[in-house]
Amino acid sequence: MNIKLLIALSAILLLFIGCGEYGVQLRIQNNSQFDFQDVSVNNVSFGPLNQDAQSKYLPFESIYEREFVQVVINDKVLKLIPEDFDESEYKSTGDYTYMIDIINEKYISLNFKSE
């Protein structure tokens, strides 16, 4: 009887440990008319991403709805640097998508979507 209880408790513990490793899954959706040579969030690269395509999810411990984003198009580096952080935009669990558009080949437009 004690062995079954020990196994059950071990399974529950492993479940909680596995779920807590990364609380946020983030992917990028390229909504622009450009192919991204590279796109990164907080210096984590999602790699190249063609127009109208989505990246795979990558794990993050947490994110804000607006983070540091860097996109390379046509050998040109574009950066979105958030000026302030609102605690209500803080996410520590869930699946999210940053939908990125490029305006006039100069600016990054970022929309945040909860999955």
PDB file of N, CA and C in Angstrom:
ATOM      1  N   MET A   1       0.816  -1.194   0.000  1.00  0.00           N
ATOM      2  CA  MET A   1       0.000   0.000   0.000  1.00  0.00           C
ATOM      3  C   MET A   1       0.858   1.256   0.000  1.00  0.00           C
ATOM      4  N   ASN A   2       1.910   1.274   0.789  1.00  0.00           N
ATOM      5  CA  ASN A   2       2.786   2.426   0.863  1.00  0.00           C
ATOM      6  C   ASN A   2       3.520   2.679  -0.452  1.00  0.00           C
ATOM      7  N   ILE A   3       3.832   1.615  -1.178  1.00  0.00           N
ATOM      8  CA  ILE A   3       4.527   1.762  -2.453  1.00  0.00           C
ATOM      9  C   ILE A   3       3.625   2.461  -3.467  1.00  0.00           C
ATOM     10  N   LYS A   4       2.360   2.105  -3.510  1.00  0.00           N
ATOM     11  CA  LYS A   4       1.421   2.759  -4.430  1.00  0.00           C
ATOM     12  C   LYS A   4       1.282   4.238  -4.099  1.00  0.00           C
ATOM     13  N   LEU A   5       1.209   4.564  -2.831  1.00  0.00           N
ATOM     14  CA  LEU A   5       1.112   5.956  -2.406  1.00  0.00           C
ATOM     15  C   LEU A   5       2.373   6.715  -2.783  1.00  0.00           C
ATOM     16  N   LEU A   6       3.530   6.129  -2.600  1.00  0.00           N
ATOM     17  CA  LEU A   6       4.797   6.745  -2.960  1.00  0.00           C
ATOM     18  C   LEU A   6       4.881   6.985  -4.463  1.00  0.00           C
ATOM     19  N   ILE A   7       4.455   6.019  -5.247  1.00  0.00           N
ATOM     20  CA  ILE A   7       4.459   6.174  -6.711  1.00  0.00           C
ATOM     21  C   ILE A   7       3.509   7.285  -7.129  1.00  0.00           C
ATOM     22  N   ALA A   8       2.328   7.342  -6.554  1.00  0.00           N
ATOM     23  CA  ALA A   8       1.357   8.378  -6.892  1.00  0.00           C
ATOM     24  C   ALA A   8       1.891   9.760  -6.526  1.00  0.00           C
ATOM     25  N   LEU A   9       2.480   9.898  -5.350  1.00  0.00           N
ATOM     26  CA  LEU A   9       3.041  11.186  -4.933  1.00  0.00           C
ATOM     27  C   LEU A   9       4.214  11.597  -5.819  1.00  0.00           C
ATOM     28  N   SER A  10       5.024  10.626  -6.222  1.00  0.00           N
ATOM     29  CA  SER A  10       6.148  10.912  -7.120  1.00  0.00           C
ATOM     30  C   SER A  10       5.645  11.401  -8.476  1.00  0.00           C
ATOM     31  N   ALA A  11       4.604  10.775  -8.987  1.00  0.00           N
ATOM     32  CA  ALA A  11       4.037  11.185 -10.275  1.00  0.00           C
ATOM     33  C   ALA A  11       3.486  12.604 -10.199  1.00  0.00           C
ATOM     34  N   ILE A  12       2.807  12.939  -9.111  1.00  0.00           N
ATOM     35  CA  ILE A  12       2.269  14.287  -8.932  1.00  0.00           C
ATOM     36  C   ILE A  12       3.402  15.305  -8.833  1.00  0.00           C
ATOM     37  N   LEU A  13       4.444  14.980  -8.111  1.00  0.00           N
ATOM     38  CA  LEU A  13       5.590  15.862  -7.969  1.00  0.00           C
ATOM     39  C   LEU A  13       6.252  16.111  -9.320  1.00  0.00           C
ATOM     40  N   LEU A  14       6.448  15.063 -10.108  1.00  0.00           N
ATOM     41  CA  LEU A  14       7.045  15.221 -11.439  1.00  0.00           C
ATOM     42  C   LEU A  14       6.171  16.070 -12.348  1.00  0.00           C
ATOM     43  N   LEU A  15       4.876  15.932 -12.232  1.00  0.00           N
ATOM     44  CA  LEU A  15       3.957  16.744 -13.021  1.00  0.00           C
ATOM     45  C   LEU A  15       4.123  18.221 -12.685  1.00  0.00           C
ATOM     46  N   PHE A  16       4.182  18.543 -11.404  1.00  0.00           N
ATOM     47  CA  PHE A  16       4.351  19.941 -10.998  1.00  0.00           C
ATOM     48  C   PHE A  16       5.714  20.490 -11.397  1.00  0.00           C
ATOM     49  N   ILE A  17       6.756  19.697 -11.288  1.00  0.00           N
ATOM     50  CA  ILE A  17       8.091  20.143 -11.679  1.00  0.00           C
ATOM     51  C   ILE A  17       8.134  20.413 -13.177  1.00  0.00           C
ATOM     52  N   GLY A  18       7.567  19.530 -13.976  1.00  0.00           N
ATOM     53  CA  GLY A  18       7.555  19.700 -15.426  1.00  0.00           C
ATOM     54  C   GLY A  18       6.759  20.905 -15.861  1.00  0.00           C
ATOM     55  N   CYS A  19       5.647  21.196 -15.203  1.00  0.00           N
ATOM     56  CA  CYS A  19       4.809  22.337 -15.564  1.00  0.00           C
ATOM     57  C   CYS A  19       5.446  23.656 -15.165  1.00  0.00           C
ATOM     58  N   GLY A  20       6.247  23.658 -14.102  1.00  0.00           N
ATOM     59  CA  GLY A  20       6.804  24.902 -13.618  1.00  0.00           C
ATOM     60  C   GLY A  20       8.096  25.318 -14.281  1.00  0.00           C
ATOM     61  N   GLU A  21       8.684  24.472 -15.116  1.00  0.00           N
ATOM     62  CA  GLU A  21       9.968  24.793 -15.710  1.00  0.00           C
ATOM     63  C   GLU A  21       9.872  26.033 -16.593  1.00  0.00           C
ATOM     64  N   TYR A  22       8.910  26.077 -17.470  1.00  0.00           N
ATOM     65  CA  TYR A  22       8.672  27.236 -18.320  1.00  0.00           C
ATOM     66  C   TYR A  22       7.201  27.549 -18.265  1.00  0.00           C
ATOM     67  N   GLY A  23       6.863  28.752 -17.813  1.00  0.00           N
ATOM     68  CA  GLY A  23       5.470  29.101 -17.657  1.00  0.00           C
ATOM     69  C   GLY A  23       4.843  29.666 -18.899  1.00  0.00           C
ATOM     70  N   VAL A  24       5.660  30.186 -19.829  1.00  0.00           N
ATOM     71  CA  VAL A  24       5.142  30.880 -21.004  1.00  0.00           C
ATOM     72  C   VAL A  24       5.706  30.235 -22.264  1.00  0.00           C
ATOM     73  N   GLN A  25       4.838  30.058 -23.243  1.00  0.00           N
ATOM     74  CA  GLN A  25       5.243  29.629 -24.578  1.00  0.00           C
ATOM     75  C   GLN A  25       4.930  30.793 -25.513  1.00  0.00           C
ATOM     76  N   LEU A  26       5.924  31.228 -26.283  1.00  0.00           N
ATOM     77  CA  LEU A  26       5.757  32.383 -27.173  1.00  0.00           C
ATOM     78  C   LEU A  26       6.131  31.990 -28.589  1.00  0.00           C
ATOM     79  N   ARG A  27       5.338  32.461 -29.547  1.00  0.00           N
ATOM     80  CA  ARG A  27       5.679  32.292 -30.948  1.00  0.00           C
ATOM     81  C   ARG A  27       5.524  33.628 -31.654  1.00  0.00           C
ATOM     82  N   ILE A  28       6.071  33.706 -32.851  1.00  0.00           N
ATOM     83  CA  ILE A  28       6.030  34.922 -33.663  1.00  0.00           C
ATOM     84  C   ILE A  28       5.203  34.644 -34.906  1.00  0.00           C
ATOM     85  N   GLN A  29       4.352  35.587 -35.252  1.00  0.00           N
ATOM     86  CA  GLN A  29       3.605  35.526 -36.506  1.00  0.00           C
ATOM     87  C   GLN A  29       4.041  36.716 -37.350  1.00  0.00           C
ATOM     88  N   ASN A  30       4.543  36.454 -38.552  1.00  0.00           N
ATOM     89  CA  ASN A  30       5.000  37.504 -39.458  1.00  0.00           C
ATOM     90  C   ASN A  30       3.821  37.987 -40.287  1.00  0.00           C
ATOM     91  N   ASN A  31       3.276  39.139 -39.926  1.00  0.00           N
ATOM     92  CA  ASN A  31       2.146  39.722 -40.656  1.00  0.00           C
ATOM     93  C   ASN A  31       2.589  40.772 -41.667  1.00  0.00           C
ATOM     94  N   SER A  32       3.872  40.829 -41.948  1.00  0.00           N
ATOM     95  CA  SER A  32       4.396  41.863 -42.841  1.00  0.00           C
ATOM     96  C   SER A  32       4.491  41.345 -44.268  1.00  0.00           C
ATOM     97  N   GLN A  33       4.909  42.237 -45.149  1.00  0.00           N
ATOM     98  CA  GLN A  33       5.121  41.861 -46.542  1.00  0.00           C
ATOM     99  C   GLN A  33       6.574  41.466 -46.806  1.00  0.00           C
ATOM    100  N   PHE A  34       7.344  41.332 -45.719  1.00  0.00           N
ATOM    101  CA  PHE A  34       8.764  41.012 -45.826  1.00  0.00           C
ATOM    102  C   PHE A  34       9.065  39.657 -45.190  1.00  0.00           C
ATOM    103  N   ASP A  35      10.054  38.981 -45.743  1.00  0.00           N
ATOM    104  CA  ASP A  35      10.599  37.803 -45.085  1.00  0.00           C
ATOM    105  C   ASP A  35      11.577  38.299 -44.018  1.00  0.00           C
ATOM    106  N   PHE A  36      11.487  37.734 -42.823  1.00  0.00           N
ATOM    107  CA  PHE A  36      12.422  38.087 -41.755  1.00  0.00           C
ATOM    108  C   PHE A  36      13.660  37.208 -41.895  1.00  0.00           C
ATOM    109  N   GLN A  37      14.816  37.840 -41.990  1.00  0.00           N
ATOM    110  CA  GLN A  37      16.062  37.078 -41.990  1.00  0.00           C
ATOM    111  C   GLN A  37      16.315  36.512 -40.591  1.00  0.00           C
ATOM    112  N   ASP A  38      15.873  37.263 -39.588  1.00  0.00           N
ATOM    113  CA  ASP A  38      15.939  36.815 -38.205  1.00  0.00           C
ATOM    114  C   ASP A  38      14.963  37.661 -37.404  1.00  0.00           C
ATOM    115  N   VAL A  39      14.401  37.059 -36.364  1.00  0.00           N
ATOM    116  CA  VAL A  39      13.548  37.784 -35.429  1.00  0.00           C
ATOM    117  C   VAL A  39      13.866  37.259 -34.036  1.00  0.00           C
ATOM    118  N   SER A  40      14.013  38.194 -33.077  1.00  0.00           N
ATOM    119  CA  SER A  40      14.331  37.775 -31.719  1.00  0.00           C
ATOM    120  C   SER A  40      13.535  38.598 -30.715  1.00  0.00           C
ATOM    121  N   VAL A  41      13.290  37.982 -29.564  1.00  0.00           N
ATOM    122  CA  VAL A  41      12.609  38.627 -28.442  1.00  0.00           C
ATOM    123  C   VAL A  41      13.529  38.482 -27.239  1.00  0.00           C
ATOM    124  N   ASN A  42      13.889  39.614 -26.649  1.00  0.00           N
ATOM    125  CA  ASN A  42      14.820  39.602 -25.500  1.00  0.00           C
ATOM    126  C   ASN A  42      16.070  38.777 -25.795  1.00  0.00           C
ATOM    127  N   ASN A  43      16.603  38.956 -26.996  1.00  0.00           N
ATOM    128  CA  ASN A  43      17.832  38.289 -27.449  1.00  0.00           C
ATOM    129  C   ASN A  43      17.695  36.775 -27.592  1.00  0.00           C
ATOM    130  N   VAL A  44      16.476  36.267 -27.644  1.00  0.00           N
ATOM    131  CA  VAL A  44      16.216  34.851 -27.943  1.00  0.00           C
ATOM    132  C   VAL A  44      15.763  34.789 -29.399  1.00  0.00           C
ATOM    133  N   SER A  45      16.565  34.149 -30.239  1.00  0.00           N
ATOM    134  CA  SER A  45      16.282  34.120 -31.669  1.00  0.00           C
ATOM    135  C   SER A  45      15.235  33.070 -32.016  1.00  0.00           C
ATOM    136  N   PHE A  46      14.281  33.483 -32.840  1.00  0.00           N
ATOM    137  CA  PHE A  46      13.298  32.571 -33.411  1.00  0.00           C
ATOM    138  C   PHE A  46      13.721  32.150 -34.819  1.00  0.00           C
ATOM    139  N   GLY A  47      14.831  32.719 -35.305  1.00  0.00           N
ATOM    140  CA  GLY A  47      15.361  32.382 -36.620  1.00  0.00           C
ATOM    141  C   GLY A  47      14.648  33.122 -37.733  1.00  0.00           C
ATOM    142  N   PRO A  48      14.889  32.700 -38.976  1.00  0.00           N
ATOM    143  CA  PRO A  48      14.216  33.326 -40.117  1.00  0.00           C
ATOM    144  C   PRO A  48      12.735  32.959 -40.136  1.00  0.00           C
ATOM    145  N   LEU A  49      11.946  33.867 -40.707  1.00  0.00           N
ATOM    146  CA  LEU A  49      10.497  33.635 -40.753  1.00  0.00           C
ATOM    147  C   LEU A  49       9.930  34.319 -41.987  1.00  0.00           C
ATOM    148  N   ASN A  50       9.377  33.531 -42.892  1.00  0.00           N
ATOM    149  CA  ASN A  50       8.790  34.083 -44.116  1.00  0.00           C
ATOM    150  C   ASN A  50       7.521  34.866 -43.814  1.00  0.00           C
ATOM    151  N   GLN A  51       7.151  35.730 -44.758  1.00  0.00           N
ATOM    152  CA  GLN A  51       5.920  36.503 -44.581  1.00  0.00           C
ATOM    153  C   GLN A  51       4.728  35.560 -44.476  1.00  0.00           C
ATOM    154  N   ASP A  52       3.757  35.956 -43.657  1.00  0.00           N
ATOM    155  CA  ASP A  52       2.535  35.196 -43.398  1.00  0.00           C
ATOM    156  C   ASP A  52       2.791  33.832 -42.745  1.00  0.00           C
ATOM    157  N   ALA A  53       3.948  33.658 -42.114  1.00  0.00           N
ATOM    158  CA  ALA A  53       4.268  32.389 -41.446  1.00  0.00           C
ATOM    159  C   ALA A  53       4.331  32.594 -39.937  1.00  0.00           C
ATOM    160  N   GLN A  54       4.260  31.479 -39.202  1.00  0.00           N
ATOM    161  CA  GLN A  54       4.389  31.495 -37.746  1.00  0.00           C
ATOM    162  C   GLN A  54       5.590  30.642 -37.344  1.00  0.00           C
ATOM    163  N   SER A  55       6.264  31.088 -36.298  1.00  0.00           N
ATOM    164  CA  SER A  55       7.372  30.303 -35.754  1.00  0.00           C
ATOM    165  C   SER A  55       6.814  29.199 -34.865  1.00  0.00           C
ATOM    166  N   LYS A  56       7.703  28.337 -34.414  1.00  0.00           N
ATOM    167  CA  LYS A  56       7.321  27.375 -33.379  1.00  0.00           C
ATOM    168  C   LYS A  56       7.328  28.112 -32.041  1.00  0.00           C
ATOM    169  N   TYR A  57       6.688  27.529 -31.061  1.00  0.00           N
ATOM    170  CA  TYR A  57       6.699  28.103 -29.717  1.00  0.00           C
ATOM    171  C   TYR A  57       8.069  27.898 -29.083  1.00  0.00           C
ATOM    172  N   LEU A  58       8.529  28.924 -28.371  1.00  0.00           N
ATOM    173  CA  LEU A  58       9.732  28.818 -27.560  1.00  0.00           C
ATOM    174  C   LEU A  58       9.366  29.135 -26.118  1.00  0.00           C
ATOM    175  N   PRO A  59      10.016  28.465 -25.173  1.00  0.00           N
ATOM    176  CA  PRO A  59       9.690  28.675 -23.760  1.00  0.00           C
ATOM    177  C   PRO A  59      10.365  29.919 -23.182  1.00  0.00           C
ATOM    178  N   PHE A  60       9.636  30.625 -22.334  1.00  0.00           N
ATOM    179  CA  PHE A  60      10.131  31.762 -21.565  1.00  0.00           C
ATOM    180  C   PHE A  60       9.635  31.594 -20.135  1.00  0.00           C
ATOM    181  N   GLU A  61      10.395  32.078 -19.193  1.00  0.00           N
ATOM    182  CA  GLU A  61       9.928  32.039 -17.806  1.00  0.00           C
ATOM    183  C   GLU A  61       8.740  32.974 -17.627  1.00  0.00           C
ATOM    184  N   SER A  62       8.823  34.155 -18.270  1.00  0.00           N
ATOM    185  CA  SER A  62       7.740  35.142 -18.230  1.00  0.00           C
ATOM    186  C   SER A  62       7.978  36.154 -19.336  1.00  0.00           C
ATOM    187  N   ILE A  63       6.928  36.899 -19.668  1.00  0.00           N
ATOM    188  CA  ILE A  63       7.044  37.965 -20.667  1.00  0.00           C
ATOM    189  C   ILE A  63       6.081  39.093 -20.311  1.00  0.00           C
ATOM    190  N   TYR A  64       6.304  40.216 -20.939  1.00  0.00           N
ATOM    191  CA  TYR A  64       5.343  41.311 -20.948  1.00  0.00           C
ATOM    192  C   TYR A  64       4.700  41.335 -22.332  1.00  0.00           C
ATOM    193  N   GLU A  65       3.585  42.028 -22.432  1.00  0.00           N
ATOM    194  CA  GLU A  65       2.905  42.112 -23.724  1.00  0.00           C
ATOM    195  C   GLU A  65       3.749  42.859 -24.756  1.00  0.00           C
ATOM    196  N   ARG A  66       4.686  43.660 -24.288  1.00  0.00           N
ATOM    197  CA  ARG A  66       5.628  44.354 -25.170  1.00  0.00           C
ATOM    198  C   ARG A  66       7.028  44.160 -24.609  1.00  0.00           C
ATOM    199  N   GLU A  67       7.848  43.461 -25.365  1.00  0.00           N
ATOM    200  CA  GLU A  67       9.228  43.196 -24.972  1.00  0.00           C
ATOM    201  C   GLU A  67      10.166  43.767 -26.029  1.00  0.00           C
ATOM    202  N   PHE A  68      11.463  43.670 -25.767  1.00  0.00           N
ATOM    203  CA  PHE A  68      12.468  44.064 -26.757  1.00  0.00           C
ATOM    204  C   PHE A  68      12.394  43.091 -27.928  1.00  0.00           C
ATOM    205  N   VAL A  69      12.130  43.628 -29.120  1.00  0.00           N
ATOM    206  CA  VAL A  69      12.017  42.810 -30.325  1.00  0.00           C
ATOM    207  C   VAL A  69      12.983  43.357 -31.366  1.00  0.00           C
ATOM    208  N   GLN A  70      13.687  42.447 -32.012  1.00  0.00           N
ATOM    209  CA  GLN A  70      14.591  42.831 -33.096  1.00  0.00           C
ATOM    210  C   GLN A  70      14.261  41.995 -34.322  1.00  0.00           C
ATOM    211  N   VAL A  71      14.121  42.668 -35.467  1.00  0.00           N
ATOM    212  CA  VAL A  71      13.812  42.001 -36.731  1.00  0.00           C
ATOM    213  C   VAL A  71      14.841  42.445 -37.764  1.00  0.00           C
ATOM    214  N   VAL A  72      15.334  41.490 -38.540  1.00  0.00           N
ATOM    215  CA  VAL A  72      16.248  41.796 -39.633  1.00  0.00           C
ATOM    216  C   VAL A  72      15.512  41.529 -40.940  1.00  0.00           C
ATOM    217  N   ILE A  73      15.381  42.598 -41.754  1.00  0.00           N
ATOM    218  CA  ILE A  73      14.793  42.463 -43.101  1.00  0.00           C
ATOM    219  C   ILE A  73      15.726  43.153 -44.086  1.00  0.00           C
ATOM    220  N   ASN A  74      15.938  42.543 -45.217  1.00  0.00           N
ATOM    221  CA  ASN A  74      16.794  43.130 -46.254  1.00  0.00           C
ATOM    222  C   ASN A  74      18.110  43.639 -45.668  1.00  0.00           C
ATOM    223  N   ASP A  75      18.721  42.870 -44.791  1.00  0.00           N
ATOM    224  CA  ASP A  75      19.987  43.201 -44.113  1.00  0.00           C
ATOM    225  C   ASP A  75      19.894  44.460 -43.257  1.00  0.00           C
ATOM    226  N   LYS A  76      18.705  44.862 -42.912  1.00  0.00           N
ATOM    227  CA  LYS A  76      18.471  46.051 -42.079  1.00  0.00           C
ATOM    228  C   LYS A  76      17.921  45.595 -40.732  1.00  0.00           C
ATOM    229  N   VAL A  77      18.508  46.109 -39.640  1.00  0.00           N
ATOM    230  CA  VAL A  77      18.093  45.737 -38.297  1.00  0.00           C
ATOM    231  C   VAL A  77      17.090  46.758 -37.766  1.00  0.00           C
ATOM    232  N   LEU A  78      15.905  46.276 -37.405  1.00  0.00           N
ATOM    233  CA  LEU A  78      14.870  47.110 -36.805  1.00  0.00           C
ATOM    234  C   LEU A  78      14.675  46.675 -35.363  1.00  0.00           C
ATOM    235  N   LYS A  79      14.489  47.644 -34.466  1.00  0.00           N
ATOM    236  CA  LYS A  79      14.322  47.317 -33.050  1.00  0.00           C
ATOM    237  C   LYS A  79      13.087  47.999 -32.491  1.00  0.00           C
ATOM    238  N   LEU A  80      12.402  47.261 -31.636  1.00  0.00           N
ATOM    239  CA  LEU A  80      11.294  47.808 -30.854  1.00  0.00           C
ATOM    240  C   LEU A  80      11.735  47.734 -29.399  1.00  0.00           C
ATOM    241  N   ILE A  81      11.895  48.907 -28.792  1.00  0.00           N
ATOM    242  CA  ILE A  81      12.355  48.974 -27.411  1.00  0.00           C
ATOM    243  C   ILE A  81      11.231  49.576 -26.573  1.00  0.00           C
ATOM    244  N   PRO A  82      10.598  48.772 -25.729  1.00  0.00           N
ATOM    245  CA  PRO A  82       9.514  49.304 -24.897  1.00  0.00           C
ATOM    246  C   PRO A  82      10.057  50.328 -23.904  1.00  0.00           C
ATOM    247  N   GLU A  83       9.271  51.369 -23.678  1.00  0.00           N
ATOM    248  CA  GLU A  83       9.729  52.447 -22.805  1.00  0.00           C
ATOM    249  C   GLU A  83       9.386  52.201 -21.344  1.00  0.00           C
ATOM    250  N   ASP A  84       8.307  51.513 -21.092  1.00  0.00           N
ATOM    251  CA  ASP A  84       7.951  51.223 -19.704  1.00  0.00           C
ATOM    252  C   ASP A  84       7.179  49.913 -19.661  1.00  0.00           C
ATOM    253  N   PHE A  85       7.068  49.372 -18.462  1.00  0.00           N
ATOM    254  CA  PHE A  85       6.386  48.098 -18.289  1.00  0.00           C
ATOM    255  C   PHE A  85       5.231  48.294 -17.321  1.00  0.00           C
ATOM    256  N   ASP A  86       4.086  47.779 -17.704  1.00  0.00           N
ATOM    257  CA  ASP A  86       2.881  47.838 -16.881  1.00  0.00           C
ATOM    258  C   ASP A  86       2.683  46.456 -16.267  1.00  0.00           C
ATOM    259  N   GLU A  87       2.554  46.398 -14.953  1.00  0.00           N
ATOM    260  CA  GLU A  87       2.401  45.111 -14.267  1.00  0.00           C
ATOM    261  C   GLU A  87       1.220  44.302 -14.796  1.00  0.00           C
ATOM    262  N   SER A  88       0.179  44.975 -15.295  1.00  0.00           N
ATOM    263  CA  SER A  88      -0.981  44.244 -15.811  1.00  0.00           C
ATOM    264  C   SER A  88      -0.648  43.506 -17.110  1.00  0.00           C
ATOM    265  N   GLU A  89       0.465  43.869 -17.753  1.00  0.00           N
ATOM    266  CA  GLU A  89       0.892  43.217 -18.986  1.00  0.00           C
ATOM    267  C   GLU A  89       1.836  42.040 -18.738  1.00  0.00           C
ATOM    268  N   TYR A  90       2.160  41.773 -17.493  1.00  0.00           N
ATOM    269  CA  TYR A  90       3.081  40.707 -17.124  1.00  0.00           C
ATOM    270  C   TYR A  90       2.388  39.348 -17.227  1.00  0.00           C
ATOM    271  N   LYS A  91       3.031  38.410 -17.896  1.00  0.00           N
ATOM    272  CA  LYS A  91       2.486  37.060 -18.061  1.00  0.00           C
ATOM    273  C   LYS A  91       3.512  36.041 -17.588  1.00  0.00           C
ATOM    274  N   SER A  92       3.085  35.151 -16.707  1.00  0.00           N
ATOM    275  CA  SER A  92       3.997  34.120 -16.219  1.00  0.00           C
ATOM    276  C   SER A  92       3.552  32.708 -16.603  1.00  0.00           C
ATOM    277  N   THR A  93       2.372  32.589 -17.196  1.00  0.00           N
ATOM    278  CA  THR A  93       1.888  31.298 -17.693  1.00  0.00           C
ATOM    279  C   THR A  93       1.071  31.531 -18.956  1.00  0.00           C
ATOM    280  N   GLY A  94       1.004  30.520 -19.810  1.00  0.00           N
ATOM    281  CA  GLY A  94       0.133  30.568 -20.981  1.00  0.00           C
ATOM    282  C   GLY A  94       0.891  30.539 -22.294  1.00  0.00           C
ATOM    283  N   ASP A  95       0.127  30.453 -23.370  1.00  0.00           N
ATOM    284  CA  ASP A  95       0.654  30.454 -24.734  1.00  0.00           C
ATOM    285  C   ASP A  95       0.261  31.757 -25.401  1.00  0.00           C
ATOM    286  N   TYR A  96       1.251  32.406 -26.049  1.00  0.00           N
ATOM    287  CA  TYR A  96       1.029  33.728 -26.627  1.00  0.00           C
ATOM    288  C   TYR A  96       1.692  33.837 -27.992  1.00  0.00           C
ATOM    289  N   THR A  97       1.201  34.803 -28.777  1.00  0.00           N
ATOM    290  CA  THR A  97       1.771  35.093 -30.086  1.00  0.00           C
ATOM    291  C   THR A  97       2.034  36.585 -30.187  1.00  0.00           C
ATOM    292  N   TYR A  98       3.237  36.921 -30.639  1.00  0.00           N
ATOM    293  CA  TYR A  98       3.545  38.295 -31.035  1.00  0.00           C
ATOM    294  C   TYR A  98       3.302  38.368 -32.535  1.00  0.00           C
ATOM    295  N   MET A  99       2.323  39.170 -32.945  1.00  0.00           N
ATOM    296  CA  MET A  99       2.033  39.375 -34.356  1.00  0.00           C
ATOM    297  C   MET A  99       2.778  40.633 -34.783  1.00  0.00           C
ATOM    298  N   ILE A 100       3.734  40.464 -35.689  1.00  0.00           N
ATOM    299  CA  ILE A 100       4.633  41.549 -36.063  1.00  0.00           C
ATOM    300  C   ILE A 100       4.374  41.986 -37.489  1.00  0.00           C
ATOM    301  N   ASP A 101       4.268  43.301 -37.650  1.00  0.00           N
ATOM    302  CA  ASP A 101       4.180  43.921 -38.972  1.00  0.00           C
ATOM    303  C   ASP A 101       5.303  44.948 -39.062  1.00  0.00           C
ATOM    304  N   ILE A 102       5.724  45.243 -40.260  1.00  0.00           N
ATOM    305  CA  ILE A 102       6.765  46.234 -40.500  1.00  0.00           C
ATOM    306  C   ILE A 102       6.135  47.402 -41.244  1.00  0.00           C
ATOM    307  N   ILE A 103       6.316  48.605 -40.704  1.00  0.00           N
ATOM    308  CA  ILE A 103       5.736  49.817 -41.282  1.00  0.00           C
ATOM    309  C   ILE A 103       6.833  50.618 -41.982  1.00  0.00           C
ATOM    310  N   ASN A 104       6.647  50.877 -43.269  1.00  0.00           N
ATOM    311  CA  ASN A 104       7.566  51.695 -44.073  1.00  0.00           C
ATOM    312  C   ASN A 104       9.018  51.232 -43.996  1.00  0.00           C
ATOM    313  N   GLU A 105       9.227  49.952 -43.802  1.00  0.00           N
ATOM    314  CA  GLU A 105      10.565  49.375 -43.677  1.00  0.00           C
ATOM    315  C   GLU A 105      11.394  50.038 -42.579  1.00  0.00           C
ATOM    316  N   LYS A 106      10.718  50.684 -41.605  1.00  0.00           N
ATOM    317  CA  LYS A 106      11.433  51.408 -40.556  1.00  0.00           C
ATOM    318  C   LYS A 106      10.994  51.041 -39.150  1.00  0.00           C
ATOM    319  N   TYR A 107       9.726  50.670 -38.988  1.00  0.00           N
ATOM    320  CA  TYR A 107       9.163  50.502 -37.651  1.00  0.00           C
ATOM    321  C   TYR A 107       8.528  49.128 -37.490  1.00  0.00           C
ATOM    322  N   ILE A 108       8.602  48.641 -36.261  1.00  0.00           N
ATOM    323  CA  ILE A 108       7.964  47.377 -35.926  1.00  0.00           C
ATOM    324  C   ILE A 108       6.637  47.669 -35.248  1.00  0.00           C
ATOM    325  N   SER A 109       5.591  47.069 -35.755  1.00  0.00           N
ATOM    326  CA  SER A 109       4.274  47.115 -35.117  1.00  0.00           C
ATOM    327  C   SER A 109       4.056  45.750 -34.457  1.00  0.00           C
ATOM    328  N   LEU A 110       3.761  45.775 -33.160  1.00  0.00           N
ATOM    329  CA  LEU A 110       3.621  44.539 -32.399  1.00  0.00           C
ATOM    330  C   LEU A 110       2.226  44.445 -31.796  1.00  0.00           C
ATOM    331  N   ASN A 111       1.538  43.364 -32.086  1.00  0.00           N
ATOM    332  CA  ASN A 111       0.252  43.067 -31.453  1.00  0.00           C
ATOM    333  C   ASN A 111       0.411  41.773 -30.673  1.00  0.00           C
ATOM    334  N   PHE A 112      -0.204  41.752 -29.503  1.00  0.00           N
ATOM    335  CA  PHE A 112      -0.083  40.635 -28.576  1.00  0.00           C
ATOM    336  C   PHE A 112      -1.376  39.840 -28.597  1.00  0.00           C
ATOM    337  N   LYS A 113      -1.249  38.520 -28.700  1.00  0.00           N
ATOM    338  CA  LYS A 113      -2.431  37.664 -28.759  1.00  0.00           C
ATOM    339  C   LYS A 113      -2.272  36.504 -27.786  1.00  0.00           C
ATOM    340  N   SER A 114      -3.284  36.299 -26.972  1.00  0.00           N
ATOM    341  CA  SER A 114      -3.327  35.173 -26.056  1.00  0.00           C
ATOM    342  C   SER A 114      -3.970  33.996 -26.773  1.00  0.00           C
ATOM    343  N   GLU A 115      -3.367  32.824 -26.656  1.00  0.00           N
ATOM    344  CA  GLU A 115      -3.897  31.637 -27.346  1.00  0.00           C
ATOM    345  C   GLU A 115      -4.870  30.910 -26.451  1.00  0.00           C
TER     346      GLU A 115
END
